[in-house]
């Protein structure tokens, strides 16, 4: 559940960054890091 939500939020963040025309230097590192951050945040919030 947490992983699925984090992947969806990472996709939304990618879409938002593209919409705002913000370029990233290292997208290979940024998007997996965002997915991990969202996943850990959901896990911490939902499964305390």
Protein backbone atom coordinates (compact mmCIF):
# COMPACT_ATOMS: atom_id res chain seq x y z
CA UNK A 1 0.00 0.00 0.00
CA UNK A 2 2.72 2.47 0.98
CA UNK A 3 4.81 1.64 -2.07
CA UNK A 4 1.87 2.04 -4.45
CA UNK A 5 0.96 5.41 -2.95
CA UNK A 6 4.55 6.57 -3.06
CA UNK A 7 4.87 5.64 -6.74
CA UNK A 8 1.70 7.56 -7.53
CA UNK A 9 2.94 10.61 -5.63
CA UNK A 10 6.31 10.38 -7.36
CA UNK A 11 4.51 10.39 -10.70
CA UNK A 12 2.50 13.43 -9.61
CA UNK A 13 5.70 15.18 -8.50
CA UNK A 14 7.32 14.40 -11.86
CA UNK A 15 4.29 15.75 -13.71
CA UNK A 16 4.29 18.88 -11.55
CA UNK A 17 7.99 19.50 -12.12
CA UNK A 18 7.54 19.03 -15.87
CA UNK A 19 4.53 21.34 -15.85
CA UNK A 20 6.52 24.03 -14.03
CA UNK A 21 9.45 23.40 -16.44
CA UNK A 22 11.88 22.66 -13.65
CA UNK A 23 14.77 20.54 -14.86
CA UNK A 24 16.67 18.21 -12.58
CA UNK A 25 20.38 17.53 -12.82
CA UNK A 26 20.17 13.89 -11.74
CA UNK A 27 16.65 12.52 -12.32
CA UNK A 28 18.00 8.98 -11.97
CA UNK A 29 18.75 9.76 -8.33
CA UNK A 30 15.92 12.19 -7.65
CA UNK A 31 12.88 10.10 -8.53
CA UNK A 32 13.86 6.94 -6.63
CA UNK A 33 14.76 9.12 -3.67
CA UNK A 34 11.36 10.80 -3.82
CA UNK A 35 9.66 7.41 -4.00
CA UNK A 36 11.62 6.23 -0.95
CA UNK A 37 10.84 9.42 0.95
CA UNK A 38 7.11 9.17 0.23
CA UNK A 39 7.11 5.46 1.07
CA UNK A 40 8.82 5.99 4.42
CA UNK A 41 6.52 8.91 5.21
CA UNK A 42 3.40 6.86 4.49
CA UNK A 43 4.75 3.93 6.45
CA UNK A 44 5.50 6.16 9.42
CA UNK A 45 2.12 7.90 9.26
CA UNK A 46 -0.07 4.86 8.69
CA UNK A 47 1.68 2.04 10.57
CA UNK A 48 2.85 3.55 13.85
